[in-house]
Amino acid sequence: MTNDPNWKLPEVPSFSLTSPDFVNGAHLPMWVRGSAGGGEDRSPALQWTGAPEGTQSYVLSVFDPDAPSGSGFWHWTLIDIPAGVTALVRGAGTEDDLLPPKAKRRRNEYGTDVFIGAAPPAGHGPHRYVYTLSALDIPTLEVAADATPAIVGLRLRPHIIGRAQIIGYQETTADGKPAYGENGAGA
């Protein structure tokens, strides 16, 4: 059975999340890979529409359910994105001046608060990178600056009123090279 990143999440209306940098279900650009894997650890641009009425803020998470950890791997968490915001620019995962006002980064699996690029283990096959944008019925999510992604998930759960997702793929060949080139095609 494939790890389902939405397992046991509450059923809520969906809305649209897209990226000018990759197509849902396609390969992520090379620069989204981790720097140790030949990339730049740069977050892609994201855009959304159709959030439910009553949305007061958003939380964005990036999760690899295929990581061989037994619990997946959290690459990025961004909370308190204001309701009036409908896009994140490329690089917002690491550049403070590119974040929307009031938005705050929270911990990833490495314990830092920046975007960590895709870095699937060599020969492990394709990994899914699930970008999830949750619409919340509260303006701010009360979590500590060092809150883990699991704590963020627990705190946002009762406030989710909508969810949008987009999934990109990356893979590292058995010889340690990226399986996809700059434009997502085979390298």
C-alpha atoms as a PDB file:
ATOM      1  CA  MET A   1       0.000   0.000   0.000  1.00  0.00           C
ATOM      2  CA  THR A   2       1.244   3.491  -0.847  1.00  0.00           C
ATOM      3  CA  ASN A   3       1.552   6.021   1.968  1.00  0.00           C
ATOM      4  CA  ASP A   4      -1.472   8.314   1.756  1.00  0.00           C
ATOM      5  CA  PRO A   5      -0.536  11.809   2.981  1.00  0.00           C
ATOM      6  CA  ASN A   6      -4.229  12.603   3.507  1.00  0.00           C
ATOM      7  CA  TRP A   7      -4.955   9.564   5.656  1.00  0.00           C
ATOM      8  CA  LYS A   8      -7.339  10.503   8.446  1.00  0.00           C
ATOM      9  CA  LEU A   9      -7.404  14.200   7.562  1.00  0.00           C
ATOM     10  CA  PRO A  10     -10.852  15.750   7.894  1.00  0.00           C
ATOM     11  CA  GLU A  11     -13.021  15.837   4.775  1.00  0.00           C
ATOM     12  CA  VAL A  12     -13.258  19.463   3.650  1.00  0.00           C
ATOM     13  CA  PRO A  13     -14.011  21.246   0.369  1.00  0.00           C
ATOM     14  CA  SER A  14     -11.128  21.501  -2.067  1.00  0.00           C
ATOM     15  CA  PHE A  15      -9.888  24.530  -3.946  1.00  0.00           C
ATOM     16  CA  SER A  16      -7.232  25.078  -6.631  1.00  0.00           C
ATOM     17  CA  LEU A  17      -3.450  25.168  -6.060  1.00  0.00           C
ATOM     18  CA  THR A  18      -1.161  25.497  -9.081  1.00  0.00           C
ATOM     19  CA  SER A  19       2.422  26.448  -9.881  1.00  0.00           C
ATOM     20  CA  PRO A  20       3.945  28.196 -12.880  1.00  0.00           C
ATOM     21  CA  ASP A  21       7.087  26.135 -12.131  1.00  0.00           C
ATOM     22  CA  PHE A  22       5.668  22.603 -12.437  1.00  0.00           C
ATOM     23  CA  VAL A  23       2.484  20.781 -13.390  1.00  0.00           C
ATOM     24  CA  ASN A  24       0.566  18.680 -10.877  1.00  0.00           C
ATOM     25  CA  GLY A  25       1.777  15.089 -11.167  1.00  0.00           C
ATOM     26  CA  ALA A  26       4.939  16.042 -13.090  1.00  0.00           C
ATOM     27  CA  HIS A  27       8.589  16.301 -12.116  1.00  0.00           C
ATOM     28  CA  LEU A  28       9.839  19.189 -10.028  1.00  0.00           C
ATOM     29  CA  PRO A  29      12.445  21.479 -11.595  1.00  0.00           C
ATOM     30  CA  MET A  30      16.084  20.700 -10.843  1.00  0.00           C
ATOM     31  CA  TRP A  31      16.478  23.850  -8.732  1.00  0.00           C
ATOM     32  CA  VAL A  32      13.796  22.558  -6.295  1.00  0.00           C
ATOM     33  CA  ARG A  33      16.112  19.664  -5.392  1.00  0.00           C
ATOM     34  CA  GLY A  34      18.257  19.923  -2.286  1.00  0.00           C
ATOM     35  CA  SER A  35      21.667  21.526  -2.720  1.00  0.00           C
ATOM     36  CA  ALA A  36      23.397  18.249  -1.766  1.00  0.00           C
ATOM     37  CA  GLY A  37      21.531  16.602  -4.667  1.00  0.00           C
ATOM     38  CA  GLY A  38      22.481  19.130  -7.342  1.00  0.00           C
ATOM     39  CA  GLY A  39      19.680  21.641  -6.750  1.00  0.00           C
ATOM     40  CA  GLU A  40      19.271  25.006  -5.048  1.00  0.00           C
ATOM     41  CA  ASP A  41      16.802  24.303  -2.199  1.00  0.00           C
ATOM     42  CA  ARG A  42      14.514  26.893  -3.793  1.00  0.00           C
ATOM     43  CA  SER A  43      10.762  26.704  -3.232  1.00  0.00           C
ATOM     44  CA  PRO A  44       8.564  26.945  -6.340  1.00  0.00           C
ATOM     45  CA  ALA A  45       6.049  29.695  -6.938  1.00  0.00           C
ATOM     46  CA  LEU A  46       2.482  28.754  -5.966  1.00  0.00           C
ATOM     47  CA  GLN A  47      -0.910  30.287  -6.804  1.00  0.00           C
ATOM     48  CA  TRP A  48      -4.383  29.490  -5.520  1.00  0.00           C
ATOM     49  CA  THR A  49      -8.018  30.325  -6.185  1.00  0.00           C
ATOM     50  CA  GLY A  50     -11.425  29.309  -4.907  1.00  0.00           C
ATOM     51  CA  ALA A  51     -10.751  29.186  -1.170  1.00  0.00           C
ATOM     52  CA  PRO A  52     -13.929  28.700   0.845  1.00  0.00           C
ATOM     53  CA  GLU A  53     -15.882  31.592   2.287  1.00  0.00           C
ATOM     54  CA  GLY A  54     -14.796  32.258   5.845  1.00  0.00           C
ATOM     55  CA  THR A  55     -11.085  31.686   5.166  1.00  0.00           C
ATOM     56  CA  GLN A  56      -9.070  33.853   7.551  1.00  0.00           C
ATOM     57  CA  SER A  57      -5.577  32.424   6.938  1.00  0.00           C
ATOM     58  CA  TYR A  58      -3.659  29.598   5.299  1.00  0.00           C
ATOM     59  CA  VAL A  59      -1.044  27.057   6.301  1.00  0.00           C
ATOM     60  CA  LEU A  60       1.257  25.562   3.670  1.00  0.00           C
ATOM     61  CA  SER A  61       3.161  22.325   4.160  1.00  0.00           C
ATOM     62  CA  VAL A  62       5.462  20.333   1.902  1.00  0.00           C
ATOM     63  CA  PHE A  63       5.673  16.621   2.717  1.00  0.00           C
ATOM     64  CA  ASP A  64       7.406  13.590   1.194  1.00  0.00           C
ATOM     65  CA  PRO A  65       5.296  10.555   2.176  1.00  0.00           C
ATOM     66  CA  ASP A  66       7.737   8.242   0.361  1.00  0.00           C
ATOM     67  CA  ALA A  67      10.795   9.004   2.509  1.00  0.00           C
ATOM     68  CA  PRO A  68      12.136   5.776   4.036  1.00  0.00           C
ATOM     69  CA  SER A  69      11.703   7.027   7.590  1.00  0.00           C
ATOM     70  CA  GLY A  70       8.490   5.258   8.496  1.00  0.00           C
ATOM     71  CA  SER A  71       6.815   8.638   8.946  1.00  0.00           C
ATOM     72  CA  GLY A  72       7.689  10.576   5.798  1.00  0.00           C
ATOM     73  CA  PHE A  73       9.689  13.807   5.721  1.00  0.00           C
ATOM     74  CA  TRP A  74       8.497  17.406   6.212  1.00  0.00           C
ATOM     75  CA  HIS A  75      10.300  19.853   3.912  1.00  0.00           C
ATOM     76  CA  TRP A  76       8.574  23.120   4.806  1.00  0.00           C
ATOM     77  CA  THR A  77       5.803  24.601   6.927  1.00  0.00           C
ATOM     78  CA  LEU A  78       4.481  28.152   6.576  1.00  0.00           C
ATOM     79  CA  ILE A  79       1.716  29.431   8.859  1.00  0.00           C
ATOM     80  CA  ASP A  80      -0.404  32.582   9.188  1.00  0.00           C
ATOM     81  CA  ILE A  81      -0.525  33.352   5.474  1.00  0.00           C
ATOM     82  CA  PRO A  82      -3.152  36.141   5.369  1.00  0.00           C
ATOM     83  CA  ALA A  83      -6.501  35.342   3.726  1.00  0.00           C
ATOM     84  CA  GLY A  84      -6.016  38.050   1.087  1.00  0.00           C
ATOM     85  CA  VAL A  85      -2.842  36.419  -0.241  1.00  0.00           C
ATOM     86  CA  THR A  86      -3.305  34.204  -3.318  1.00  0.00           C
ATOM     87  CA  ALA A  87       0.294  33.404  -4.275  1.00  0.00           C
ATOM     88  CA  LEU A  88       3.809  32.763  -3.040  1.00  0.00           C
ATOM     89  CA  VAL A  89       6.732  33.767  -5.221  1.00  0.00           C
ATOM     90  CA  ARG A  90       9.603  31.461  -6.114  1.00  0.00           C
ATOM     91  CA  GLY A  91      12.159  31.416  -3.309  1.00  0.00           C
ATOM     92  CA  ALA A  92       9.789  32.418  -0.486  1.00  0.00           C
ATOM     93  CA  GLY A  93      10.912  29.301   1.372  1.00  0.00           C
ATOM     94  CA  THR A  94      14.287  30.820   2.167  1.00  0.00           C
ATOM     95  CA  GLU A  95      14.051  34.572   1.556  1.00  0.00           C
ATOM     96  CA  ASP A  96      12.331  36.514   4.349  1.00  0.00           C
ATOM     97  CA  ASP A  97      11.661  39.533   2.141  1.00  0.00           C
ATOM     98  CA  LEU A  98       9.703  37.297  -0.283  1.00  0.00           C
ATOM     99  CA  LEU A  99       7.231  36.107   2.365  1.00  0.00           C
ATOM    100  CA  PRO A 100       3.795  37.706   2.628  1.00  0.00           C
ATOM    101  CA  PRO A 101       3.485  40.066   5.609  1.00  0.00           C
ATOM    102  CA  LYS A 102       2.617  38.195   8.844  1.00  0.00           C
ATOM    103  CA  ALA A 103       3.415  34.746   7.380  1.00  0.00           C
ATOM    104  CA  LYS A 104       5.777  32.702   9.542  1.00  0.00           C
ATOM    105  CA  ARG A 105       7.939  29.701   8.813  1.00  0.00           C
ATOM    106  CA  ARG A 106       7.963  26.754  11.196  1.00  0.00           C
ATOM    107  CA  ARG A 107      10.272  23.773  11.601  1.00  0.00           C
ATOM    108  CA  ASN A 108      11.116  21.177   9.013  1.00  0.00           C
ATOM    109  CA  GLU A 109      12.616  17.729   9.706  1.00  0.00           C
ATOM    110  CA  TYR A 110      16.097  19.230  10.112  1.00  0.00           C
ATOM    111  CA  GLY A 111      14.843  21.591  12.822  1.00  0.00           C
ATOM    112  CA  THR A 112      15.343  24.725  10.712  1.00  0.00           C
ATOM    113  CA  ASP A 113      12.518  26.878   9.376  1.00  0.00           C
ATOM    114  CA  VAL A 114      13.490  27.145   5.712  1.00  0.00           C
ATOM    115  CA  PHE A 115      12.449  25.150   2.661  1.00  0.00           C
ATOM    116  CA  ILE A 116      14.466  21.950   2.167  1.00  0.00           C
ATOM    117  CA  GLY A 117      14.610  20.796  -1.437  1.00  0.00           C
ATOM    118  CA  ALA A 118      13.786  17.325  -2.731  1.00  0.00           C
ATOM    119  CA  ALA A 119      16.493  14.741  -2.021  1.00  0.00           C
ATOM    120  CA  PRO A 120      15.242  11.185  -2.438  1.00  0.00           C
ATOM    121  CA  PRO A 121      17.809   8.482  -1.620  1.00  0.00           C
ATOM    122  CA  ALA A 122      19.715   6.988  -4.552  1.00  0.00           C
ATOM    123  CA  GLY A 123      17.868   4.115  -6.187  1.00  0.00           C
ATOM    124  CA  HIS A 124      14.792   4.513  -3.983  1.00  0.00           C
ATOM    125  CA  GLY A 125      12.466   5.312  -6.870  1.00  0.00           C
ATOM    126  CA  PRO A 126      10.274   8.358  -7.456  1.00  0.00           C
ATOM    127  CA  HIS A 127       9.172  10.372  -4.430  1.00  0.00           C
ATOM    128  CA  ARG A 128       6.038  12.502  -4.197  1.00  0.00           C
ATOM    129  CA  TYR A 129       6.371  16.028  -2.813  1.00  0.00           C
ATOM    130  CA  VAL A 130       2.914  17.026  -1.623  1.00  0.00           C
ATOM    131  CA  TYR A 131       2.279  20.765  -1.360  1.00  0.00           C
ATOM    132  CA  THR A 132      -0.813  21.200   0.821  1.00  0.00           C
ATOM    133  CA  LEU A 133      -2.483  24.545   1.409  1.00  0.00           C
ATOM    134  CA  SER A 134      -5.042  24.466   4.230  1.00  0.00           C
ATOM    135  CA  ALA A 135      -7.626  27.247   4.513  1.00  0.00           C
ATOM    136  CA  LEU A 136      -8.359  28.031   8.177  1.00  0.00           C
ATOM    137  CA  ASP A 137     -11.219  29.759   9.973  1.00  0.00           C
ATOM    138  CA  ILE A 138      -8.805  31.643  12.277  1.00  0.00           C
ATOM    139  CA  PRO A 139      -6.407  34.512  11.443  1.00  0.00           C
ATOM    140  CA  THR A 140      -3.401  33.076  13.297  1.00  0.00           C
ATOM    141  CA  LEU A 141      -2.341  29.620  14.371  1.00  0.00           C
ATOM    142  CA  GLU A 142      -1.036  29.663  17.918  1.00  0.00           C
ATOM    143  CA  VAL A 143       2.082  27.486  17.790  1.00  0.00           C
ATOM    144  CA  ALA A 144       5.578  28.082  19.152  1.00  0.00           C
ATOM    145  CA  ALA A 145       8.386  29.107  16.812  1.00  0.00           C
ATOM    146  CA  ASP A 146      10.008  25.693  17.314  1.00  0.00           C
ATOM    147  CA  ALA A 147       6.795  23.692  16.852  1.00  0.00           C
ATOM    148  CA  THR A 148       7.259  20.511  14.840  1.00  0.00           C
ATOM    149  CA  PRO A 149       5.175  19.875  11.719  1.00  0.00           C
ATOM    150  CA  ALA A 150       3.172  17.323  13.730  1.00  0.00           C
ATOM    151  CA  ILE A 151       2.218  19.971  16.322  1.00  0.00           C
ATOM    152  CA  VAL A 152       1.275  22.408  13.558  1.00  0.00           C
ATOM    153  CA  GLY A 153      -0.933  19.669  12.064  1.00  0.00           C
ATOM    154  CA  LEU A 154      -2.612  18.979  15.382  1.00  0.00           C
ATOM    155  CA  ARG A 155      -3.321  22.672  15.993  1.00  0.00           C
ATOM    156  CA  LEU A 156      -4.689  23.422  12.534  1.00  0.00           C
ATOM    157  CA  ARG A 157      -6.888  20.335  12.285  1.00  0.00           C
ATOM    158  CA  PRO A 158      -9.982  21.737  14.082  1.00  0.00           C
ATOM    159  CA  HIS A 159      -9.781  24.928  11.991  1.00  0.00           C
ATOM    160  CA  ILE A 160      -9.458  23.510   8.453  1.00  0.00           C
ATOM    161  CA  ILE A 161     -12.302  24.597   6.182  1.00  0.00           C
ATOM    162  CA  GLY A 162     -10.668  23.839   2.828  1.00  0.00           C
ATOM    163  CA  ARG A 163      -7.662  22.092   1.298  1.00  0.00           C
ATOM    164  CA  ALA A 164      -5.727  22.459  -1.948  1.00  0.00           C
ATOM    165  CA  GLN A 165      -2.889  20.221  -3.096  1.00  0.00           C
ATOM    166  CA  ILE A 166      -0.366  19.882  -5.865  1.00  0.00           C
ATOM    167  CA  ILE A 167       2.154  17.053  -6.151  1.00  0.00           C
ATOM    168  CA  GLY A 168       5.554  17.099  -7.812  1.00  0.00           C
ATOM    169  CA  TYR A 169       7.980  14.206  -8.251  1.00  0.00           C
ATOM    170  CA  GLN A 170      11.728  13.795  -7.968  1.00  0.00           C
ATOM    171  CA  GLU A 171      14.016  10.775  -8.111  1.00  0.00           C
ATOM    172  CA  THR A 172      17.695   9.988  -7.686  1.00  0.00           C
ATOM    173  CA  THR A 173      19.151   7.206  -9.820  1.00  0.00           C
ATOM    174  CA  ALA A 174      21.082   4.305  -8.303  1.00  0.00           C
ATOM    175  CA  ASP A 175      24.348   6.044  -9.248  1.00  0.00           C
ATOM    176  CA  GLY A 176      23.320   9.157  -7.241  1.00  0.00           C
ATOM    177  CA  LYS A 177      22.336  11.434 -10.135  1.00  0.00           C
ATOM    178  CA  PRO A 178      19.054  13.323 -10.507  1.00  0.00           C
ATOM    179  CA  ALA A 179      16.686  11.303 -12.683  1.00  0.00           C
ATOM    180  CA  TYR A 180      15.204  14.432 -14.268  1.00  0.00           C
ATOM    181  CA  GLY A 181      16.865  17.388 -15.931  1.00  0.00           C
ATOM    182  CA  GLU A 182      16.201  21.108 -15.518  1.00  0.00           C
ATOM    183  CA  ASN A 183      12.897  21.056 -17.379  1.00  0.00           C
ATOM    184  CA  GLY A 184      11.678  17.835 -15.724  1.00  0.00           C
ATOM    185  CA  ALA A 185      12.586  15.596 -18.652  1.00  0.00           C
ATOM    186  CA  GLY A 186      14.862  12.610 -18.262  1.00  0.00           C
ATOM    187  CA  ALA A 187      18.450  13.762 -17.665  1.00  0.00           C
END
